[in-house]
């Protein structure tokens, strides 16, 4: 489910928020909040433009802590499985870190 909201005034935003809170059940609201926070994390990550390689290697995902622990509780040890991570990246584009190009120019 994807909700696109145009630019609204503060009053309209509060009214829409109230409507959404009553219209969505608890699971849908939880998923909506996870997706919203993940989009915020992706926007901040895109603006900060992380370095290519950090102290632990190349960054692949930026995942909200609540989402990370919810998946870890549901499927114990899933974050150690490379197949799970590959599928998670494929299905959750907002979690994927936008990487700078790998092309290197040596001047010749």
C-alpha atoms as a PDB file:
ATOM      1  CA  UNK A   1       0.000   0.000   0.000  1.00  0.00           C
ATOM      2  CA  UNK A   2       1.405   3.366  -0.983  1.00  0.00           C
ATOM      3  CA  UNK A   3      -0.056   6.680   0.107  1.00  0.00           C
ATOM      4  CA  UNK A   4       0.974   9.829  -1.753  1.00  0.00           C
ATOM      5  CA  UNK A   5       0.110  13.042   0.039  1.00  0.00           C
ATOM      6  CA  UNK A   6       0.389  16.435  -1.690  1.00  0.00           C
ATOM      7  CA  UNK A   7       1.530  19.603   0.083  1.00  0.00           C
ATOM      8  CA  UNK A   8      -1.057  20.316   2.796  1.00  0.00           C
ATOM      9  CA  UNK A   9      -1.531  22.927   5.480  1.00  0.00           C
ATOM     10  CA  UNK A  10      -1.012  21.988   9.134  1.00  0.00           C
ATOM     11  CA  UNK A  11      -4.757  21.671   9.750  1.00  0.00           C
ATOM     12  CA  UNK A  12      -5.255  19.488   6.682  1.00  0.00           C
ATOM     13  CA  UNK A  13      -2.305  17.335   7.738  1.00  0.00           C
ATOM     14  CA  UNK A  14      -3.761  16.844  11.225  1.00  0.00           C
ATOM     15  CA  UNK A  15      -7.171  15.956   9.731  1.00  0.00           C
ATOM     16  CA  UNK A  16      -5.607  13.466   7.325  1.00  0.00           C
ATOM     17  CA  UNK A  17      -3.560  11.966  10.149  1.00  0.00           C
ATOM     18  CA  UNK A  18      -6.708  11.512  12.256  1.00  0.00           C
ATOM     19  CA  UNK A  19      -8.537   9.872   9.344  1.00  0.00           C
ATOM     20  CA  UNK A  20      -5.631   7.520   8.657  1.00  0.00           C
ATOM     21  CA  UNK A  21      -5.370   6.516  12.294  1.00  0.00           C
ATOM     22  CA  UNK A  22      -9.030   5.515  12.372  1.00  0.00           C
ATOM     23  CA  UNK A  23      -9.103   3.951   8.907  1.00  0.00           C
ATOM     24  CA  UNK A  24      -6.133   1.666   9.278  1.00  0.00           C
ATOM     25  CA  UNK A  25      -6.011  -1.221  11.684  1.00  0.00           C
ATOM     26  CA  UNK A  26      -2.995  -1.750  13.944  1.00  0.00           C
ATOM     27  CA  UNK A  27      -0.978  -3.956  11.570  1.00  0.00           C
ATOM     28  CA  UNK A  28      -1.500  -1.695   8.592  1.00  0.00           C
ATOM     29  CA  UNK A  29      -0.585   1.361  10.659  1.00  0.00           C
ATOM     30  CA  UNK A  30       2.565  -0.368  11.922  1.00  0.00           C
ATOM     31  CA  UNK A  31       3.587  -1.229   8.353  1.00  0.00           C
ATOM     32  CA  UNK A  32       2.796   2.319   7.197  1.00  0.00           C
ATOM     33  CA  UNK A  33       4.983   3.742   9.990  1.00  0.00           C
ATOM     34  CA  UNK A  34       7.837   1.357   9.133  1.00  0.00           C
ATOM     35  CA  UNK A  35       7.687   2.315   5.450  1.00  0.00           C
ATOM     36  CA  UNK A  36       7.467   6.019   6.284  1.00  0.00           C
ATOM     37  CA  UNK A  37      10.480   5.873   8.613  1.00  0.00           C
ATOM     38  CA  UNK A  38      12.426   3.858   6.056  1.00  0.00           C
ATOM     39  CA  UNK A  39      11.746   6.500   3.385  1.00  0.00           C
ATOM     40  CA  UNK A  40      12.982   9.163   5.812  1.00  0.00           C
ATOM     41  CA  UNK A  41      16.144   7.154   6.489  1.00  0.00           C
ATOM     42  CA  UNK A  42      16.701   6.707   2.743  1.00  0.00           C
ATOM     43  CA  UNK A  43      16.291  10.453   2.123  1.00  0.00           C
ATOM     44  CA  UNK A  44      18.805  11.337   4.832  1.00  0.00           C
ATOM     45  CA  UNK A  45      21.204   8.649   3.630  1.00  0.00           C
ATOM     46  CA  UNK A  46      20.986   9.959   0.065  1.00  0.00           C
ATOM     47  CA  UNK A  47      21.765  13.512   1.176  1.00  0.00           C
ATOM     48  CA  UNK A  48      24.716  12.460   3.325  1.00  0.00           C
ATOM     49  CA  UNK A  49      26.170  10.273   0.549  1.00  0.00           C
ATOM     50  CA  UNK A  50      28.034   7.661   2.619  1.00  0.00           C
ATOM     51  CA  UNK A  51      31.630   6.801   1.850  1.00  0.00           C
ATOM     52  CA  UNK A  52      32.279   3.931  -0.494  1.00  0.00           C
ATOM     53  CA  UNK A  53      33.886   1.691   2.114  1.00  0.00           C
ATOM     54  CA  UNK A  54      33.456   2.019   5.854  1.00  0.00           C
ATOM     55  CA  UNK A  55      35.322   0.245   8.635  1.00  0.00           C
ATOM     56  CA  UNK A  56      33.142  -2.865   8.155  1.00  0.00           C
ATOM     57  CA  UNK A  57      33.133  -2.910   4.356  1.00  0.00           C
ATOM     58  CA  UNK A  58      30.790  -1.591   1.697  1.00  0.00           C
ATOM     59  CA  UNK A  59      27.382  -0.489   2.970  1.00  0.00           C
ATOM     60  CA  UNK A  60      24.502  -2.266   1.247  1.00  0.00           C
ATOM     61  CA  UNK A  61      21.435  -1.572   3.425  1.00  0.00           C
ATOM     62  CA  UNK A  62      20.181   1.082   5.801  1.00  0.00           C
ATOM     63  CA  UNK A  63      17.360  -0.506   7.822  1.00  0.00           C
ATOM     64  CA  UNK A  64      15.170   0.998  10.540  1.00  0.00           C
ATOM     65  CA  UNK A  65      15.948  -0.570  13.937  1.00  0.00           C
ATOM     66  CA  UNK A  66      12.321  -1.609  14.566  1.00  0.00           C
ATOM     67  CA  UNK A  67      12.177  -3.396  11.203  1.00  0.00           C
ATOM     68  CA  UNK A  68      15.525  -5.077  11.837  1.00  0.00           C
ATOM     69  CA  UNK A  69      14.496  -6.458  15.224  1.00  0.00           C
ATOM     70  CA  UNK A  70      10.986  -7.408  14.075  1.00  0.00           C
ATOM     71  CA  UNK A  71      12.468  -9.563  11.289  1.00  0.00           C
ATOM     72  CA  UNK A  72      15.050 -10.991  13.680  1.00  0.00           C
ATOM     73  CA  UNK A  73      12.330 -12.026  16.150  1.00  0.00           C
ATOM     74  CA  UNK A  74      10.131 -13.561  13.429  1.00  0.00           C
ATOM     75  CA  UNK A  75      12.992 -15.427  11.717  1.00  0.00           C
ATOM     76  CA  UNK A  76      15.823 -16.025  14.173  1.00  0.00           C
ATOM     77  CA  UNK A  77      19.216 -15.424  12.565  1.00  0.00           C
ATOM     78  CA  UNK A  78      17.829 -14.251   9.225  1.00  0.00           C
ATOM     79  CA  UNK A  79      20.300 -11.349   8.970  1.00  0.00           C
ATOM     80  CA  UNK A  80      23.185 -13.820   8.773  1.00  0.00           C
ATOM     81  CA  UNK A  81      21.677 -15.466   5.687  1.00  0.00           C
ATOM     82  CA  UNK A  82      22.959 -13.964   2.407  1.00  0.00           C
ATOM     83  CA  UNK A  83      19.948 -15.236   0.456  1.00  0.00           C
ATOM     84  CA  UNK A  84      17.558 -13.482   2.856  1.00  0.00           C
ATOM     85  CA  UNK A  85      19.521 -10.236   2.591  1.00  0.00           C
ATOM     86  CA  UNK A  86      19.536 -10.440  -1.227  1.00  0.00           C
ATOM     87  CA  UNK A  87      15.754 -10.950  -1.261  1.00  0.00           C
ATOM     88  CA  UNK A  88      15.245  -8.159   1.303  1.00  0.00           C
ATOM     89  CA  UNK A  89      17.248  -5.743  -0.869  1.00  0.00           C
ATOM     90  CA  UNK A  90      15.280  -6.802  -3.938  1.00  0.00           C
ATOM     91  CA  UNK A  91      11.894  -6.307  -2.249  1.00  0.00           C
ATOM     92  CA  UNK A  92      12.683  -3.119  -0.273  1.00  0.00           C
ATOM     93  CA  UNK A  93      14.144  -0.495  -2.555  1.00  0.00           C
ATOM     94  CA  UNK A  94      14.014   2.224   0.131  1.00  0.00           C
ATOM     95  CA  UNK A  95      16.494   0.240   2.247  1.00  0.00           C
ATOM     96  CA  UNK A  96      19.089   0.028  -0.507  1.00  0.00           C
ATOM     97  CA  UNK A  97      21.993   2.463  -0.171  1.00  0.00           C
ATOM     98  CA  UNK A  98      22.603   4.535  -3.292  1.00  0.00           C
ATOM     99  CA  UNK A  99      26.266   3.982  -4.011  1.00  0.00           C
ATOM    100  CA  UNK A 100      28.619   6.270  -5.934  1.00  0.00           C
ATOM    101  CA  UNK A 101      29.884   4.932  -9.263  1.00  0.00           C
ATOM    102  CA  UNK A 102      32.801   2.496  -9.142  1.00  0.00           C
ATOM    103  CA  UNK A 103      34.491   3.936 -12.203  1.00  0.00           C
ATOM    104  CA  UNK A 104      38.027   5.128 -11.496  1.00  0.00           C
ATOM    105  CA  UNK A 105      39.766   7.672 -13.730  1.00  0.00           C
ATOM    106  CA  UNK A 106      43.554   7.553 -13.644  1.00  0.00           C
ATOM    107  CA  UNK A 107      44.161  10.508 -15.976  1.00  0.00           C
ATOM    108  CA  UNK A 108      45.480   8.617 -18.978  1.00  0.00           C
END
